[in-house]
N, C-alpha and C. Protein backbone atom coordinates (compact mmCIF):
# COMPACT_ATOMS: atom_id res chain seq x y z
N UNK A 1 172.09 107.85 71.40
CA UNK A 1 171.88 106.47 71.81
C UNK A 1 170.82 105.84 70.90
N UNK A 2 171.13 104.68 70.32
CA UNK A 2 170.13 104.01 69.48
C UNK A 2 169.15 103.23 70.36
N UNK A 3 168.09 102.73 69.78
CA UNK A 3 167.03 102.08 70.55
C UNK A 3 167.52 100.83 71.28
N UNK A 4 168.40 100.07 70.68
CA UNK A 4 168.91 98.86 71.35
C UNK A 4 169.70 99.26 72.60
N UNK A 5 170.54 100.27 72.47
CA UNK A 5 171.30 100.75 73.63
C UNK A 5 170.35 101.31 74.69
N UNK A 6 169.30 102.01 74.26
CA UNK A 6 168.30 102.52 75.20
C UNK A 6 167.62 101.38 75.95
N UNK A 7 167.26 100.35 75.25
CA UNK A 7 166.63 99.17 75.87
C UNK A 7 167.57 98.54 76.88
N UNK A 8 168.83 98.36 76.50
CA UNK A 8 169.80 97.76 77.40
C UNK A 8 170.00 98.63 78.65
N UNK A 9 170.00 99.94 78.45
CA UNK A 9 170.14 100.85 79.60
C UNK A 9 168.94 100.74 80.53
N UNK A 10 167.74 100.63 79.98
CA UNK A 10 166.56 100.46 80.83
C UNK A 10 166.60 99.14 81.58
N UNK A 11 167.08 98.09 80.95
CA UNK A 11 167.28 96.82 81.65
C UNK A 11 168.29 96.99 82.78
N UNK A 12 169.37 97.73 82.51
CA UNK A 12 170.40 97.95 83.53
C UNK A 12 169.83 98.72 84.72
N UNK A 13 169.02 99.74 84.42
CA UNK A 13 168.48 100.59 85.48
C UNK A 13 167.32 99.96 86.24
N UNK A 14 166.48 99.20 85.55
CA UNK A 14 165.24 98.72 86.18
C UNK A 14 165.04 97.21 86.12
N UNK A 15 165.93 96.51 85.46
CA UNK A 15 165.76 95.07 85.29
C UNK A 15 165.80 94.28 86.58
N UNK A 16 166.33 94.87 87.64
CA UNK A 16 166.40 94.21 88.94
C UNK A 16 165.04 94.19 89.65
N UNK A 17 164.09 94.95 89.15
CA UNK A 17 162.77 95.03 89.79
C UNK A 17 162.05 93.70 89.68
N UNK A 18 161.15 93.49 90.61
CA UNK A 18 160.30 92.31 90.58
C UNK A 18 158.87 92.77 90.37
N UNK A 19 157.99 91.84 90.14
CA UNK A 19 156.59 92.19 89.88
C UNK A 19 155.68 91.11 90.43
N UNK A 20 156.06 90.55 91.56
CA UNK A 20 155.26 89.53 92.19
C UNK A 20 155.73 88.11 91.93
N UNK A 21 156.68 87.95 91.01
CA UNK A 21 157.23 86.62 90.72
C UNK A 21 158.51 86.43 91.52
N UNK A 22 159.09 85.25 91.44
CA UNK A 22 160.30 84.93 92.20
C UNK A 22 161.57 85.24 91.41
N UNK A 23 161.43 85.96 90.31
CA UNK A 23 162.57 86.36 89.49
C UNK A 23 162.47 87.86 89.20
N UNK A 24 163.59 88.44 88.80
CA UNK A 24 163.57 89.85 88.42
C UNK A 24 162.99 89.98 87.02
N UNK A 25 162.70 91.19 86.62
CA UNK A 25 162.21 91.44 85.27
C UNK A 25 163.23 90.98 84.23
N UNK A 26 164.50 91.30 84.45
CA UNK A 26 165.53 90.88 83.51
C UNK A 26 165.61 89.36 83.43
N UNK A 27 165.65 88.70 84.57
CA UNK A 27 165.70 87.23 84.56
C UNK A 27 164.50 86.65 83.82
N UNK A 28 163.33 87.19 84.07
CA UNK A 28 162.12 86.69 83.43
C UNK A 28 162.18 86.83 81.91
N UNK A 29 162.58 88.00 81.46
CA UNK A 29 162.60 88.22 80.01
C UNK A 29 163.71 87.42 79.33
N UNK A 30 164.85 87.26 80.00
CA UNK A 30 165.91 86.42 79.44
C UNK A 30 165.48 84.95 79.39
N UNK A 31 164.80 84.50 80.43
CA UNK A 31 164.31 83.12 80.43
C UNK A 31 163.27 82.90 79.35
N UNK A 32 162.38 83.84 79.18
CA UNK A 32 161.36 83.74 78.14
C UNK A 32 162.01 83.64 76.77
N UNK A 33 163.01 84.48 76.53
CA UNK A 33 163.74 84.45 75.25
C UNK A 33 164.51 83.14 75.10
N UNK A 34 165.08 82.67 76.17
CA UNK A 34 165.82 81.41 76.13
C UNK A 34 164.91 80.27 75.68
N UNK A 35 163.73 80.18 76.27
CA UNK A 35 162.80 79.12 75.90
C UNK A 35 162.35 79.26 74.44
N UNK A 36 162.14 80.48 73.99
CA UNK A 36 161.77 80.70 72.59
C UNK A 36 162.90 80.24 71.67
N UNK A 37 164.12 80.63 71.99
CA UNK A 37 165.26 80.26 71.16
C UNK A 37 165.45 78.74 71.16
N UNK A 38 165.37 78.12 72.32
CA UNK A 38 165.56 76.67 72.41
C UNK A 38 164.50 75.89 71.65
N UNK A 39 163.31 76.49 71.53
CA UNK A 39 162.21 75.83 70.82
C UNK A 39 162.25 76.11 69.31
N UNK A 40 163.24 76.88 68.85
CA UNK A 40 163.36 77.17 67.42
C UNK A 40 162.37 78.20 66.92
N UNK A 41 161.95 79.11 67.79
CA UNK A 41 161.02 80.17 67.40
C UNK A 41 161.66 81.07 66.34
N UNK A 42 160.81 81.75 65.60
CA UNK A 42 161.27 82.72 64.60
C UNK A 42 162.10 83.80 65.30
N UNK A 43 163.09 84.35 64.61
CA UNK A 43 163.90 85.41 65.22
C UNK A 43 163.07 86.59 65.75
N UNK A 44 162.03 86.99 65.03
CA UNK A 44 161.21 88.10 65.50
C UNK A 44 160.47 87.74 66.79
N UNK A 45 160.10 86.47 66.94
CA UNK A 45 159.42 86.05 68.17
C UNK A 45 160.41 85.98 69.34
N UNK A 46 161.65 85.63 69.05
CA UNK A 46 162.68 85.66 70.10
C UNK A 46 162.89 87.11 70.55
N UNK A 47 162.93 88.04 69.61
CA UNK A 47 163.03 89.46 69.97
C UNK A 47 161.84 89.88 70.81
N UNK A 48 160.64 89.46 70.42
CA UNK A 48 159.44 89.78 71.20
C UNK A 48 159.54 89.19 72.61
N UNK A 49 160.10 88.00 72.73
CA UNK A 49 160.25 87.38 74.05
C UNK A 49 161.17 88.20 74.94
N UNK A 50 162.26 88.71 74.37
CA UNK A 50 163.18 89.56 75.15
C UNK A 50 162.45 90.81 75.64
N UNK A 51 161.55 91.34 74.81
CA UNK A 51 160.94 92.64 75.08
C UNK A 51 159.50 92.58 75.58
N UNK A 52 158.93 91.40 75.78
CA UNK A 52 157.48 91.31 76.00
C UNK A 52 156.99 92.08 77.22
N UNK A 53 157.79 92.22 78.25
CA UNK A 53 157.38 92.97 79.44
C UNK A 53 158.11 94.31 79.55
N UNK A 54 158.63 94.80 78.45
CA UNK A 54 159.38 96.06 78.46
C UNK A 54 158.55 97.22 79.00
N UNK A 55 157.25 97.17 78.79
CA UNK A 55 156.37 98.21 79.32
C UNK A 55 156.49 98.38 80.82
N UNK A 56 156.79 97.29 81.55
CA UNK A 56 157.01 97.39 82.99
C UNK A 56 158.21 98.28 83.32
N UNK A 57 159.19 98.29 82.43
CA UNK A 57 160.40 99.06 82.68
C UNK A 57 160.24 100.54 82.35
N UNK A 58 159.22 100.87 81.55
CA UNK A 58 159.10 102.26 81.10
C UNK A 58 157.81 102.94 81.52
N UNK A 59 156.88 102.24 82.16
CA UNK A 59 155.59 102.88 82.48
C UNK A 59 155.67 103.84 83.66
N UNK A 60 156.75 103.79 84.43
CA UNK A 60 156.94 104.75 85.51
C UNK A 60 156.13 104.46 86.77
N UNK A 61 155.53 103.29 86.87
CA UNK A 61 154.73 102.93 88.03
C UNK A 61 155.55 102.05 88.97
N UNK A 62 155.10 101.96 90.22
CA UNK A 62 155.79 101.13 91.20
C UNK A 62 155.71 99.65 90.83
N UNK A 63 156.66 98.87 91.38
CA UNK A 63 156.72 97.44 91.12
C UNK A 63 155.48 96.70 91.62
N UNK A 64 154.88 97.19 92.68
CA UNK A 64 153.78 96.46 93.34
C UNK A 64 152.40 96.99 92.96
N UNK A 65 152.25 97.53 91.76
CA UNK A 65 150.97 98.13 91.38
C UNK A 65 149.81 97.14 91.44
N UNK A 66 150.06 95.88 91.10
CA UNK A 66 148.98 94.88 91.13
C UNK A 66 148.44 94.71 92.55
N UNK A 67 149.31 94.84 93.55
CA UNK A 67 148.86 94.74 94.95
C UNK A 67 147.93 95.89 95.33
N UNK A 68 147.95 96.94 94.54
CA UNK A 68 147.09 98.10 94.78
C UNK A 68 145.91 98.15 93.81
N UNK A 69 145.70 97.04 93.09
CA UNK A 69 144.56 96.95 92.18
C UNK A 69 144.72 97.73 90.89
N UNK A 70 145.97 97.96 90.47
CA UNK A 70 146.22 98.76 89.27
C UNK A 70 146.75 97.86 88.16
N UNK A 71 146.14 97.97 87.00
CA UNK A 71 146.63 97.30 85.80
C UNK A 71 147.46 98.33 85.04
N UNK A 72 148.76 98.15 84.99
CA UNK A 72 149.64 99.12 84.34
C UNK A 72 149.60 99.08 82.82
N UNK A 73 148.87 98.14 82.25
CA UNK A 73 148.76 97.98 80.79
C UNK A 73 150.14 97.99 80.13
N UNK A 74 151.04 97.25 80.74
CA UNK A 74 152.42 97.21 80.26
C UNK A 74 152.53 96.72 78.83
N UNK A 75 151.63 95.84 78.42
CA UNK A 75 151.69 95.30 77.06
C UNK A 75 151.43 96.39 76.03
N UNK A 76 150.48 97.28 76.30
CA UNK A 76 150.17 98.39 75.38
C UNK A 76 151.27 99.44 75.40
N UNK A 77 151.72 99.79 76.59
CA UNK A 77 152.76 100.81 76.72
C UNK A 77 154.05 100.36 76.04
N UNK A 78 154.44 99.12 76.29
CA UNK A 78 155.65 98.60 75.67
C UNK A 78 155.52 98.50 74.16
N UNK A 79 154.42 97.93 73.69
CA UNK A 79 154.23 97.76 72.25
C UNK A 79 154.17 99.10 71.52
N UNK A 80 153.47 100.07 72.10
CA UNK A 80 153.37 101.39 71.46
C UNK A 80 154.74 102.04 71.33
N UNK A 81 155.50 102.00 72.40
CA UNK A 81 156.84 102.61 72.35
C UNK A 81 157.72 101.89 71.34
N UNK A 82 157.74 100.57 71.40
CA UNK A 82 158.62 99.78 70.55
C UNK A 82 158.20 99.80 69.08
N UNK A 83 156.92 100.05 68.81
CA UNK A 83 156.42 100.06 67.43
C UNK A 83 157.05 101.18 66.59
N UNK A 84 157.61 102.16 67.25
CA UNK A 84 158.32 103.22 66.52
C UNK A 84 159.56 102.67 65.83
N UNK A 85 160.10 101.58 66.37
CA UNK A 85 161.40 101.08 65.94
C UNK A 85 161.37 99.67 65.35
N UNK A 86 160.44 98.85 65.82
CA UNK A 86 160.43 97.43 65.46
C UNK A 86 159.24 97.10 64.56
N UNK A 87 159.41 96.04 63.79
CA UNK A 87 158.37 95.56 62.88
C UNK A 87 157.21 94.95 63.68
N UNK A 88 156.01 94.90 63.10
CA UNK A 88 154.86 94.32 63.80
C UNK A 88 155.07 92.87 64.25
N UNK A 89 155.89 92.10 63.56
CA UNK A 89 156.14 90.72 63.98
C UNK A 89 156.83 90.66 65.34
N UNK A 90 157.44 91.75 65.76
CA UNK A 90 158.01 91.87 67.11
C UNK A 90 156.98 92.49 68.05
N UNK A 91 156.37 93.59 67.67
CA UNK A 91 155.53 94.35 68.60
C UNK A 91 154.13 93.79 68.80
N UNK A 92 153.56 93.17 67.79
CA UNK A 92 152.18 92.66 67.97
C UNK A 92 152.09 91.50 68.96
N UNK A 93 153.00 90.53 68.93
CA UNK A 93 152.94 89.52 70.00
C UNK A 93 153.10 90.14 71.39
N UNK A 94 153.91 91.18 71.50
CA UNK A 94 154.05 91.89 72.77
C UNK A 94 152.70 92.49 73.17
N UNK A 95 152.08 93.19 72.25
CA UNK A 95 150.79 93.83 72.51
C UNK A 95 149.73 92.79 72.91
N UNK A 96 149.83 91.60 72.34
CA UNK A 96 148.79 90.58 72.52
C UNK A 96 149.09 89.55 73.59
N UNK A 97 150.24 89.61 74.25
CA UNK A 97 150.56 88.51 75.17
C UNK A 97 149.66 88.46 76.40
N UNK A 98 149.09 89.57 76.81
CA UNK A 98 148.11 89.54 77.90
C UNK A 98 146.78 88.97 77.38
N UNK A 99 146.37 89.39 76.20
CA UNK A 99 145.17 88.82 75.60
C UNK A 99 145.32 87.32 75.41
N UNK A 100 146.54 86.88 75.07
CA UNK A 100 146.79 85.45 74.91
C UNK A 100 146.59 84.71 76.23
N UNK A 101 146.98 85.32 77.34
CA UNK A 101 146.74 84.70 78.65
C UNK A 101 145.24 84.60 78.90
N UNK A 102 144.52 85.66 78.63
CA UNK A 102 143.07 85.65 78.83
C UNK A 102 142.41 84.59 77.94
N UNK A 103 142.91 84.47 76.72
CA UNK A 103 142.39 83.47 75.78
C UNK A 103 142.66 82.06 76.29
N UNK A 104 143.91 81.79 76.65
CA UNK A 104 144.27 80.44 77.11
C UNK A 104 143.51 80.05 78.37
N UNK A 105 143.27 81.00 79.24
CA UNK A 105 142.48 80.71 80.45
C UNK A 105 141.04 80.36 80.10
N UNK A 106 140.54 80.91 79.02
CA UNK A 106 139.16 80.63 78.59
C UNK A 106 139.03 79.28 77.91
N UNK A 107 140.06 78.86 77.18
CA UNK A 107 139.94 77.66 76.36
C UNK A 107 140.66 76.44 76.94
N UNK A 108 141.50 76.64 77.95
CA UNK A 108 142.31 75.55 78.48
C UNK A 108 142.37 75.60 80.01
N UNK A 109 141.48 74.86 80.69
CA UNK A 109 141.48 74.89 82.15
C UNK A 109 142.82 74.49 82.77
N UNK A 110 143.57 73.62 82.12
CA UNK A 110 144.88 73.22 82.64
C UNK A 110 145.85 74.40 82.62
N UNK A 111 145.70 75.26 81.63
CA UNK A 111 146.56 76.44 81.57
C UNK A 111 146.30 77.35 82.77
N UNK A 112 145.04 77.62 83.04
CA UNK A 112 144.70 78.46 84.18
C UNK A 112 145.26 77.86 85.47
N UNK A 113 145.13 76.56 85.63
CA UNK A 113 145.61 75.89 86.84
C UNK A 113 147.12 75.99 87.00
N UNK A 114 147.85 76.23 85.90
CA UNK A 114 149.30 76.30 85.95
C UNK A 114 149.83 77.70 86.25
N UNK A 115 148.97 78.71 86.29
CA UNK A 115 149.42 80.09 86.49
C UNK A 115 149.97 80.31 87.90
N UNK A 116 150.98 81.14 87.97
CA UNK A 116 151.52 81.55 89.27
C UNK A 116 150.49 82.43 89.98
N UNK A 117 150.69 82.61 91.26
CA UNK A 117 149.79 83.48 92.05
C UNK A 117 149.77 84.90 91.50
N UNK A 118 150.95 85.41 91.13
CA UNK A 118 151.02 86.78 90.59
C UNK A 118 150.30 86.86 89.25
N UNK A 119 150.38 85.81 88.44
CA UNK A 119 149.73 85.83 87.14
C UNK A 119 148.21 85.75 87.28
N UNK A 120 147.74 85.02 88.28
CA UNK A 120 146.30 84.97 88.56
C UNK A 120 145.83 86.35 89.02
N UNK A 121 146.62 86.99 89.88
CA UNK A 121 146.28 88.32 90.36
C UNK A 121 146.19 89.31 89.20
N UNK A 122 147.17 89.29 88.31
CA UNK A 122 147.15 90.23 87.19
C UNK A 122 146.04 89.89 86.21
N UNK A 123 145.72 88.61 86.05
CA UNK A 123 144.63 88.21 85.16
C UNK A 123 143.33 88.89 85.58
N UNK A 124 143.06 88.91 86.86
CA UNK A 124 141.84 89.56 87.35
C UNK A 124 141.83 91.04 86.98
N UNK A 125 142.97 91.70 87.12
CA UNK A 125 143.06 93.12 86.79
C UNK A 125 142.97 93.36 85.28
N UNK A 126 143.34 92.37 84.50
CA UNK A 126 143.37 92.50 83.04
C UNK A 126 142.04 92.11 82.38
N UNK A 127 141.05 91.76 83.19
CA UNK A 127 139.73 91.46 82.64
C UNK A 127 139.29 90.02 82.76
N UNK A 128 140.15 89.15 83.30
CA UNK A 128 139.79 87.75 83.47
C UNK A 128 139.79 86.99 82.15
N UNK A 129 139.40 85.73 82.20
CA UNK A 129 139.35 84.92 80.97
C UNK A 129 138.39 85.53 79.96
N UNK A 130 138.72 85.36 78.69
CA UNK A 130 137.85 85.84 77.62
C UNK A 130 136.50 85.11 77.63
N UNK A 131 135.50 85.80 77.15
CA UNK A 131 134.22 85.15 76.84
C UNK A 131 134.42 84.36 75.55
N UNK A 132 133.44 83.55 75.19
CA UNK A 132 133.54 82.81 73.93
C UNK A 132 133.66 83.76 72.74
N UNK A 133 132.92 84.85 72.77
CA UNK A 133 132.97 85.81 71.66
C UNK A 133 134.34 86.49 71.59
N UNK A 134 134.88 86.86 72.74
CA UNK A 134 136.21 87.49 72.76
C UNK A 134 137.28 86.51 72.27
N UNK A 135 137.16 85.25 72.67
CA UNK A 135 138.12 84.23 72.23
C UNK A 135 138.05 84.06 70.72
N UNK A 136 136.85 83.99 70.18
CA UNK A 136 136.69 83.83 68.73
C UNK A 136 137.26 85.04 67.99
N UNK A 137 137.06 86.23 68.50
CA UNK A 137 137.60 87.43 67.88
C UNK A 137 139.13 87.42 67.94
N UNK A 138 139.69 87.01 69.07
CA UNK A 138 141.14 86.95 69.23
C UNK A 138 141.76 85.99 68.21
N UNK A 139 141.11 84.89 67.95
CA UNK A 139 141.61 83.90 67.00
C UNK A 139 141.74 84.45 65.58
N UNK A 140 141.07 85.54 65.30
CA UNK A 140 141.11 86.15 63.96
C UNK A 140 142.31 87.08 63.77
N UNK A 141 143.00 87.42 64.82
CA UNK A 141 144.12 88.36 64.73
C UNK A 141 145.27 87.70 63.97
N UNK A 142 145.91 88.42 63.06
CA UNK A 142 147.00 87.82 62.28
C UNK A 142 148.19 87.33 63.12
N UNK A 143 148.37 87.89 64.31
CA UNK A 143 149.48 87.46 65.17
C UNK A 143 149.01 86.60 66.34
N UNK A 144 147.84 86.02 66.20
CA UNK A 144 147.25 85.16 67.22
C UNK A 144 148.20 84.03 67.63
N UNK A 145 148.69 83.27 66.67
CA UNK A 145 149.54 82.11 66.99
C UNK A 145 150.86 82.54 67.64
N UNK A 146 151.45 83.62 67.15
CA UNK A 146 152.69 84.11 67.76
C UNK A 146 152.45 84.55 69.20
N UNK A 147 151.32 85.19 69.45
CA UNK A 147 151.00 85.64 70.80
C UNK A 147 150.82 84.45 71.74
N UNK A 148 150.18 83.40 71.26
CA UNK A 148 149.99 82.19 72.08
C UNK A 148 151.35 81.56 72.38
N UNK A 149 152.18 81.46 71.36
CA UNK A 149 153.52 80.88 71.55
C UNK A 149 154.32 81.70 72.56
N UNK A 150 154.30 83.04 72.40
CA UNK A 150 155.00 83.91 73.34
C UNK A 150 154.47 83.71 74.75
N UNK A 151 153.16 83.60 74.90
CA UNK A 151 152.57 83.45 76.23
C UNK A 151 153.04 82.17 76.91
N UNK A 152 153.17 81.11 76.14
CA UNK A 152 153.62 79.85 76.73
C UNK A 152 155.08 79.95 77.18
N UNK A 153 155.92 80.65 76.42
CA UNK A 153 157.30 80.87 76.86
C UNK A 153 157.31 81.77 78.09
N UNK A 154 156.43 82.75 78.11
CA UNK A 154 156.31 83.67 79.24
C UNK A 154 156.06 82.90 80.53
N UNK A 155 155.17 81.95 80.51
CA UNK A 155 154.85 81.18 81.72
C UNK A 155 156.02 80.32 82.17
N UNK A 156 156.87 79.91 81.25
CA UNK A 156 158.03 79.09 81.61
C UNK A 156 159.12 79.92 82.27
N UNK A 157 159.18 81.19 81.95
CA UNK A 157 160.29 82.05 82.37
C UNK A 157 160.16 82.62 83.76
N UNK A 158 159.99 81.74 84.74
CA UNK A 158 159.81 82.22 86.12
C UNK A 158 160.56 81.34 87.10
N UNK A 159 161.74 80.88 86.69
CA UNK A 159 162.52 79.93 87.47
C UNK A 159 163.68 80.62 88.20
N UNK A 160 163.61 80.70 89.52
CA UNK A 160 164.73 81.29 90.26
C UNK A 160 166.02 80.51 90.01
N UNK A 161 167.10 81.21 89.92
CA UNK A 161 168.44 80.62 89.77
C UNK A 161 168.70 79.98 88.41
N UNK A 162 167.77 80.07 87.47
CA UNK A 162 168.01 79.50 86.15
C UNK A 162 169.08 80.30 85.42
N UNK A 163 169.99 79.61 84.77
CA UNK A 163 171.07 80.26 84.03
C UNK A 163 170.65 80.41 82.56
N UNK A 164 170.85 81.58 82.02
CA UNK A 164 170.54 81.86 80.61
C UNK A 164 171.69 82.69 80.03
N UNK A 165 171.75 82.77 78.71
CA UNK A 165 172.69 83.73 78.14
C UNK A 165 172.31 85.15 78.59
N UNK A 166 173.26 86.04 78.58
CA UNK A 166 173.01 87.42 78.96
C UNK A 166 172.29 88.19 77.86
N UNK A 167 171.93 89.40 78.16
CA UNK A 167 171.18 90.24 77.25
C UNK A 167 171.90 90.44 75.92
N UNK A 168 173.21 90.59 75.97
CA UNK A 168 173.99 90.82 74.75
C UNK A 168 173.81 89.69 73.74
N UNK A 169 173.58 88.48 74.21
CA UNK A 169 173.35 87.33 73.33
C UNK A 169 172.17 87.58 72.39
N UNK A 170 171.19 88.33 72.86
CA UNK A 170 169.96 88.55 72.10
C UNK A 170 169.99 89.80 71.23
N UNK A 171 171.10 90.55 71.27
CA UNK A 171 171.20 91.76 70.46
C UNK A 171 170.94 91.49 68.97
N UNK A 172 171.51 90.43 68.37
CA UNK A 172 171.24 90.21 66.94
C UNK A 172 169.74 90.00 66.63
N UNK A 173 169.00 89.38 67.53
CA UNK A 173 167.56 89.21 67.32
C UNK A 173 166.86 90.57 67.34
N UNK A 174 167.26 91.41 68.30
CA UNK A 174 166.66 92.74 68.38
C UNK A 174 167.02 93.56 67.14
N UNK A 175 168.28 93.53 66.76
CA UNK A 175 168.70 94.29 65.57
C UNK A 175 167.96 93.79 64.33
N UNK A 176 167.78 92.49 64.22
CA UNK A 176 167.07 91.92 63.07
C UNK A 176 165.61 92.29 63.00
N UNK A 177 165.01 92.65 64.14
CA UNK A 177 163.60 93.02 64.18
C UNK A 177 163.33 94.50 64.00
N UNK A 178 164.40 95.28 63.85
CA UNK A 178 164.21 96.72 63.63
C UNK A 178 163.61 96.98 62.27
N UNK A 179 162.80 98.03 62.20
CA UNK A 179 162.17 98.39 60.92
C UNK A 179 163.20 98.58 59.82
N UNK A 180 164.27 99.28 60.10
CA UNK A 180 165.27 99.54 59.06
C UNK A 180 166.04 98.29 58.68
N UNK A 181 166.07 97.27 59.53
CA UNK A 181 166.77 96.01 59.20
C UNK A 181 165.94 95.16 58.26
N UNK A 182 164.62 95.34 58.28
CA UNK A 182 163.73 94.48 57.51
C UNK A 182 163.31 95.14 56.19
N UNK A 183 163.79 96.37 55.92
CA UNK A 183 163.37 97.06 54.70
C UNK A 183 164.30 96.81 53.55
């Protein structure tokens, strides 16, 4: 089984799970990718949008871990696993999308006010808004802008009953972000 087929199988097996939002993991990631694609994002960022919460599907923890005060560090788990197969332009925005939330909460009060209840809950577990020093350091990361863009699509992708293309629609973006596709 290749990595794309493995990813699709994990979506099939666990994509129905929820994580405090009003949509399933699969719906959320498809919506996030849809918004990225509709906004004309780079193909690698669309791939990152499809996979940004993949760590939730592979970390082996219960769906309600945040209710128990546990930060599953899904961004690190997902990015580390996917980095074996995908280029950094795909995996680094995934790794940084939680940091991007912390950054945006520090620099944009309107952003914080727009967060869902589940996102506020996870923000507390993830360390809360960045300090000024942390925000300045985050701005220096080469994938800073991509992470911010991904985070904004992430917040949009929480609409119950929203129709999006299916997972297969995004296969070419995933294939294009593979290390062997970019060499």
